[in-house]
Protein backbone atom coordinates (compact mmCIF):
# COMPACT_ATOMS: atom_id res chain seq x y z
CA MET A 1 25.39 -21.84 -72.85
CA ALA A 2 24.25 -25.44 -73.50
CA SER A 3 23.98 -27.84 -70.47
CA THR A 4 25.54 -31.05 -70.23
CA THR A 5 24.04 -34.05 -67.99
CA PHE A 6 25.14 -37.25 -66.99
CA SER A 7 22.85 -40.18 -66.38
CA LEU A 8 24.03 -43.69 -64.85
CA PHE A 9 21.25 -46.64 -65.20
CA SER A 10 21.19 -50.26 -64.12
CA SER A 11 19.21 -50.72 -67.36
CA PRO A 12 19.80 -49.10 -70.70
CA THR A 13 15.71 -48.81 -70.91
CA ALA A 14 16.06 -46.13 -68.23
CA LEU A 15 18.01 -43.70 -70.34
CA LEU A 16 15.81 -40.81 -71.38
CA SER A 17 16.19 -39.86 -75.00
CA ASN A 18 15.72 -36.21 -74.65
CA THR A 19 18.84 -35.57 -72.54
CA LYS A 20 21.50 -33.50 -74.27
CA THR A 21 24.41 -35.56 -73.28
CA SER A 22 24.15 -39.08 -71.91
CA VAL A 23 26.06 -42.20 -70.71
CA ALA A 24 24.37 -45.21 -70.19
CA CYS A 25 26.02 -48.15 -68.47
CA LEU A 26 25.16 -51.77 -69.63
CA LYS A 27 25.20 -54.79 -66.94
CA PRO A 28 25.19 -58.43 -67.64
CA HIS A 29 22.04 -59.79 -69.69
CA GLU A 30 21.25 -56.10 -70.35
CA ARG A 31 22.76 -55.85 -73.78
CA ALA A 32 19.33 -55.57 -75.54
CA LEU A 33 19.64 -52.05 -76.35
CA SER A 34 16.33 -50.08 -76.34
CA SER A 35 15.16 -47.24 -78.48
CA SER A 36 15.69 -44.77 -75.73
CA ILE A 37 19.45 -45.08 -76.12
CA LEU A 38 19.44 -44.64 -79.96
CA ALA A 39 18.18 -40.91 -79.99
CA THR A 40 21.19 -38.54 -80.67
CA ARG A 41 24.38 -38.47 -82.71
CA THR A 42 27.67 -37.78 -81.09
CA SER A 43 28.98 -34.57 -82.49
CA ILE A 44 32.05 -33.11 -80.57
CA TYR A 45 34.47 -31.00 -82.10
CA TYR A 46 38.31 -30.68 -80.90
CA ASN A 47 41.70 -29.61 -82.21
CA LYS A 48 43.43 -32.81 -84.18
CA PRO A 49 45.89 -34.52 -82.05
CA SER A 50 49.18 -35.41 -83.28
CA ARG A 51 49.04 -37.85 -86.23
CA ALA A 52 49.95 -41.50 -86.06
CA ARG A 53 49.13 -44.26 -88.46
CA PRO A 54 46.41 -46.57 -87.69
CA MET A 55 46.10 -50.14 -88.21
CA SER A 56 43.47 -50.68 -90.74
CA LEU A 57 41.60 -53.72 -92.52
CA ARG A 58 39.92 -52.45 -95.73
CA ASN A 59 36.40 -53.08 -96.68
CA GLY A 60 36.16 -56.55 -98.52
CA SER A 61 38.79 -58.15 -96.54
CA ARG A 62 37.01 -61.27 -95.31
CA GLY A 63 37.57 -63.79 -92.47
CA ILE A 64 40.44 -61.92 -90.80
CA THR A 65 40.50 -61.42 -87.19
CA CYS A 66 42.63 -58.97 -85.00
CA ALA A 67 43.04 -60.82 -81.91
CA ALA A 68 45.74 -60.77 -79.47
CA SER A 69 47.02 -63.03 -76.49
CA SER A 70 46.68 -59.84 -74.32
CA SER A 71 47.14 -59.84 -70.39
CA ALA A 72 45.87 -56.18 -70.29
CA LEU A 73 42.16 -55.32 -70.47
CA PRO A 74 40.33 -52.09 -70.76
CA SER A 75 38.94 -50.64 -67.58
CA ALA A 76 35.96 -49.60 -69.78
CA LEU A 77 34.68 -50.13 -73.33
CA LEU A 78 32.82 -47.04 -74.55
CA PHE A 79 30.56 -47.13 -77.65
CA ASP A 80 29.35 -44.31 -79.62
CA CYS A 81 25.71 -44.83 -80.31
CA ASP A 82 24.40 -44.08 -84.10
CA GLY A 83 26.42 -45.73 -86.57
CA VAL A 84 28.33 -47.99 -84.21
CA LEU A 85 25.74 -49.87 -82.28
CA VAL A 86 23.36 -49.56 -85.17
CA ASP A 87 23.63 -47.94 -88.72
CA THR A 88 20.71 -45.70 -88.05
CA GLU A 89 21.46 -42.42 -89.88
CA LYS A 90 20.38 -43.48 -93.38
CA ASP A 91 17.77 -45.83 -92.67
CA GLY A 92 16.49 -44.62 -89.17
CA HIS A 93 16.93 -40.91 -88.30
CA ARG A 94 16.60 -39.84 -91.87
CA VAL A 95 13.62 -41.81 -92.70
CA SER A 96 11.84 -40.59 -89.24
CA PHE A 97 12.54 -36.91 -90.13
CA ASN A 98 10.91 -37.49 -93.50
CA ASP A 99 7.84 -39.30 -92.02
CA THR A 100 7.64 -36.36 -89.64
CA PHE A 101 7.73 -33.69 -92.48
CA GLY A 102 5.27 -35.69 -94.40
CA GLU A 103 2.78 -35.98 -91.56
CA ARG A 104 3.00 -32.12 -91.06
CA GLU A 105 2.55 -31.68 -94.72
CA LEU A 106 5.66 -29.53 -95.02
CA GLY A 107 6.74 -30.30 -98.45
CA VAL A 108 10.13 -31.23 -97.26
CA THR A 109 12.08 -34.50 -98.16
CA TRP A 110 15.87 -35.20 -97.10
CA ASP A 111 17.49 -37.64 -99.64
CA VAL A 112 20.39 -39.80 -98.86
CA ASP A 113 23.15 -37.38 -100.16
CA LEU A 114 21.53 -34.22 -98.41
CA TYR A 115 21.12 -35.85 -95.21
CA GLY A 116 24.75 -36.95 -95.29
CA GLU A 117 25.63 -33.10 -95.84
CA LEU A 118 23.26 -32.12 -92.84
CA LEU A 119 25.09 -34.65 -90.41
CA LYS A 120 27.68 -32.11 -90.30
CA ILE A 121 25.55 -30.18 -87.91
CA GLY A 122 25.29 -31.83 -84.59
CA GLY A 123 21.70 -32.27 -83.16
CA GLY A 124 18.41 -32.94 -84.78
CA LYS A 125 16.68 -29.71 -83.62
CA GLU A 126 19.81 -27.73 -84.85
CA ARG A 127 19.91 -29.72 -88.01
CA MET A 128 16.18 -28.71 -88.92
CA THR A 129 16.75 -25.15 -87.86
CA ALA A 130 19.99 -24.50 -89.98
CA TYR A 131 18.15 -26.22 -93.08
CA PHE A 132 15.15 -24.01 -92.65
CA ASN A 133 17.23 -20.91 -92.41
CA LYS A 134 19.07 -21.69 -95.45
CA THR A 135 16.18 -22.87 -97.73
CA GLY A 136 13.31 -21.06 -96.21
CA TRP A 137 10.77 -22.17 -93.57
CA PRO A 138 7.74 -24.08 -94.61
CA ALA A 139 4.47 -22.08 -95.21
CA LYS A 140 2.97 -23.76 -92.10
CA ALA A 141 5.85 -22.85 -89.79
CA PRO A 142 5.23 -20.00 -87.24
CA LYS A 143 6.88 -16.56 -87.96
CA SER A 144 8.35 -15.49 -84.63
CA GLU A 145 11.61 -16.79 -83.31
CA GLU A 146 10.34 -18.20 -80.15
CA GLU A 147 7.40 -20.06 -81.85
CA ARG A 148 9.79 -21.51 -84.29
CA LYS A 149 11.79 -22.96 -81.52
CA GLU A 150 8.66 -24.57 -80.28
CA PHE A 151 7.74 -25.66 -83.76
CA ILE A 152 11.35 -27.50 -84.01
CA ALA A 153 10.93 -28.98 -80.84
CA SER A 154 7.51 -30.46 -81.58
CA LEU A 155 8.89 -31.76 -84.82
CA HIS A 156 11.88 -33.33 -83.23
CA LYS A 157 9.60 -34.96 -80.47
CA ARG A 158 7.60 -36.50 -83.16
CA LYS A 159 10.71 -37.84 -85.22
CA THR A 160 11.96 -39.28 -81.95
CA GLU A 161 8.63 -41.16 -81.52
CA LEU A 162 8.75 -42.57 -84.92
CA PHE A 163 12.18 -43.56 -84.85
CA MET A 164 11.67 -45.56 -81.53
CA ALA A 165 8.91 -47.27 -83.25
CA LEU A 166 11.54 -48.60 -85.98
CA ILE A 167 13.72 -49.77 -83.04
CA GLU A 168 10.99 -51.56 -81.21
CA LYS A 169 9.80 -53.26 -84.15
CA LYS A 170 13.49 -54.37 -84.59
CA LEU A 171 13.69 -53.03 -88.12
CA LEU A 172 17.27 -51.78 -87.38
CA PRO A 173 19.27 -54.51 -85.80
CA LEU A 174 22.58 -54.26 -84.15
CA ARG A 175 25.54 -53.98 -86.46
CA PRO A 176 27.55 -57.23 -86.83
CA GLY A 177 29.79 -58.00 -83.63
CA VAL A 178 28.37 -55.53 -81.19
CA ALA A 179 26.49 -58.07 -78.98
CA LYS A 180 29.50 -60.26 -79.04
CA LEU A 181 31.91 -57.73 -77.91
CA ILE A 182 29.54 -56.39 -75.26
CA ASP A 183 29.13 -59.99 -73.95
CA GLN A 184 33.10 -60.62 -73.99
CA ALA A 185 33.57 -57.34 -71.93
CA LEU A 186 30.72 -58.00 -69.38
CA GLU A 187 31.74 -61.47 -69.02
CA LYS A 188 35.44 -60.10 -67.75
CA GLY A 189 33.71 -57.51 -65.44
CA ILE A 190 34.78 -54.58 -67.68
CA LYS A 191 32.65 -51.70 -67.55
CA VAL A 192 30.73 -50.96 -70.79
CA ALA A 193 28.76 -47.52 -71.49
CA VAL A 194 26.96 -46.06 -74.38
CA CYS A 195 27.91 -42.42 -74.92
CA SER A 196 25.74 -39.95 -77.10
CA THR A 197 25.49 -36.23 -77.31
CA SER A 198 24.09 -33.59 -79.40
CA ASN A 199 26.24 -30.75 -77.76
CA GLU A 200 29.10 -29.96 -79.90
CA LYS A 201 31.34 -28.72 -76.91
CA ALA A 202 30.50 -31.49 -74.44
CA ALA A 203 33.44 -33.55 -73.53
CA ILE A 204 31.45 -36.79 -73.41
CA TYR A 205 34.34 -39.22 -72.94
CA VAL A 206 36.00 -37.36 -70.31
CA LEU A 207 32.63 -37.30 -68.45
CA ALA A 208 32.20 -41.26 -68.86
CA ALA A 209 35.62 -41.87 -67.49
CA SER A 210 35.15 -39.56 -64.43
CA THR A 211 31.71 -40.94 -63.62
CA LEU A 212 32.81 -44.47 -64.18
CA GLY A 213 35.97 -43.83 -61.95
CA VAL A 214 38.63 -45.01 -64.36
CA ASP A 215 41.48 -43.63 -65.99
CA PRO A 216 40.96 -42.25 -69.43
CA SER A 217 44.04 -43.74 -70.60
CA SER A 218 42.81 -47.42 -69.75
CA CYS A 219 39.61 -46.85 -71.91
CA VAL A 220 38.85 -47.91 -75.38
CA VAL A 221 36.43 -46.23 -77.63
CA VAL A 222 34.51 -47.70 -80.40
CA GLU A 223 33.47 -44.85 -82.91
CA ASP A 224 32.57 -44.40 -86.51
CA SER A 225 33.32 -40.80 -87.37
CA ALA A 226 36.26 -38.26 -87.43
CA ILE A 227 34.56 -36.06 -84.95
CA GLY A 228 33.85 -38.95 -82.36
CA LEU A 229 37.50 -40.00 -82.97
CA ALA A 230 38.75 -36.46 -82.25
CA ALA A 231 36.57 -36.48 -79.06
CA ALA A 232 38.22 -39.72 -77.83
CA LYS A 233 41.87 -38.84 -78.63
CA ALA A 234 41.16 -35.44 -76.73
CA ALA A 235 40.20 -37.46 -73.65
CA GLY A 236 43.28 -39.49 -73.91
CA MET A 237 41.84 -42.86 -74.88
CA LYS A 238 42.45 -45.49 -77.34
CA CYS A 239 39.97 -45.26 -80.28
CA ILE A 240 38.88 -47.99 -82.76
CA ILE A 241 36.83 -47.06 -85.77
CA THR A 242 34.00 -49.06 -87.40
CA LYS A 243 33.26 -47.33 -90.66
CA SER A 244 29.50 -46.68 -91.14
CA GLY A 245 27.71 -45.66 -94.48
CA TYR A 246 28.06 -41.93 -93.91
CA THR A 247 31.43 -41.87 -92.56
CA ALA A 248 33.51 -44.31 -94.83
CA ASP A 249 35.49 -41.54 -96.55
CA GLU A 250 36.33 -39.49 -93.54
CA ASP A 251 39.97 -39.03 -92.16
CA PHE A 252 40.85 -41.76 -89.52
CA LEU A 253 44.46 -41.40 -89.78
CA ASN A 254 44.68 -40.61 -85.89
CA ALA A 255 42.72 -43.95 -85.12
CA ASP A 256 44.51 -46.75 -83.32
CA ALA A 257 42.50 -49.10 -85.71
CA VAL A 258 40.22 -48.89 -88.54
CA PHE A 259 37.90 -51.67 -89.73
CA ASP A 260 34.66 -51.81 -91.52
CA PHE A 261 32.85 -53.68 -88.59
CA ILE A 262 33.29 -55.52 -85.56
CA GLY A 263 31.93 -58.94 -86.87
CA ASP A 264 30.97 -62.23 -85.70
CA PRO A 265 32.93 -65.46 -86.74
CA PRO A 266 33.63 -66.28 -89.31
CA GLU A 267 33.79 -62.80 -90.38
CA GLU A 268 34.90 -61.44 -87.14
CA ARG A 269 37.32 -58.46 -87.33
CA PHE A 270 38.46 -58.05 -83.86
CA ASP A 271 37.67 -59.00 -80.41
CA LEU A 272 38.30 -57.89 -76.74
CA SER A 273 41.83 -59.17 -76.54
CA PHE A 274 42.54 -56.98 -79.53
CA CYS A 275 41.22 -54.03 -77.56
CA GLY A 276 43.70 -54.80 -74.66
CA SER A 277 46.62 -55.26 -76.87
CA LEU A 278 46.18 -51.64 -77.67
CA LEU A 279 46.71 -50.60 -74.03
CA GLU A 280 49.77 -52.96 -73.97
CA LYS A 281 51.41 -50.80 -76.62
CA GLN A 282 50.57 -47.88 -74.65
CA TYR A 283 52.29 -49.08 -71.33
CA ALA A 284 55.22 -50.49 -73.18
CA SER A 285 56.07 -47.16 -75.01
């Protein structure tokens, strides 16, 4: 049985990247997200909730802001990690996997399309294991199951080190509007957390609400994938989708709103007031 852990920190830099499930809480002046946060992809599967048509802003729409004069504000703003804070998968994790494979001379390269398919498998170690089981293990890989687990763990450790180096060199900047929205929330005293897990069955958003001491129905989640959307909805939370490169064509019909990104003025798509307006609709219904 996979374990689930929770970590609450005064600074995002304290979040260990090797935890299976993590929640990092941000405080004022601590929004410089470190490489230790950007380590795993949220991958949680739930039965689909009932369908409702989301508000949507198509890619290519420019200079449109969804804002509302809202008296309601979320108790907590919860962000998925990869694809939401930073578009890390294609140019971060994939590159780091390939660099690791190259260092070990494994003769393996994951191109953009292949990696998109592999992302359907939650967790980097699980992803590599499934790939090698399907295509054949490299000649330099050990033969026994136990040694292969250690081999995969060593590859993943090195991949994480290379990925962290990319972040520390600021080669993967925050997506547009992320810093703005976090600042708006912190200025209003709203709890902000980064949630990330590689455990397919871990109810990460339920865990976040419970530990933060807030009602799930008063939380707004920012996600980029159908998997994460299902997790947020299963937790009873409002969910805004900001599409990323690998998720643009996924089914987001259950989302409360869908955008291409959060955005900074003059390309802003939505702000904190808009997040609050989603909760007002809930209370009025």
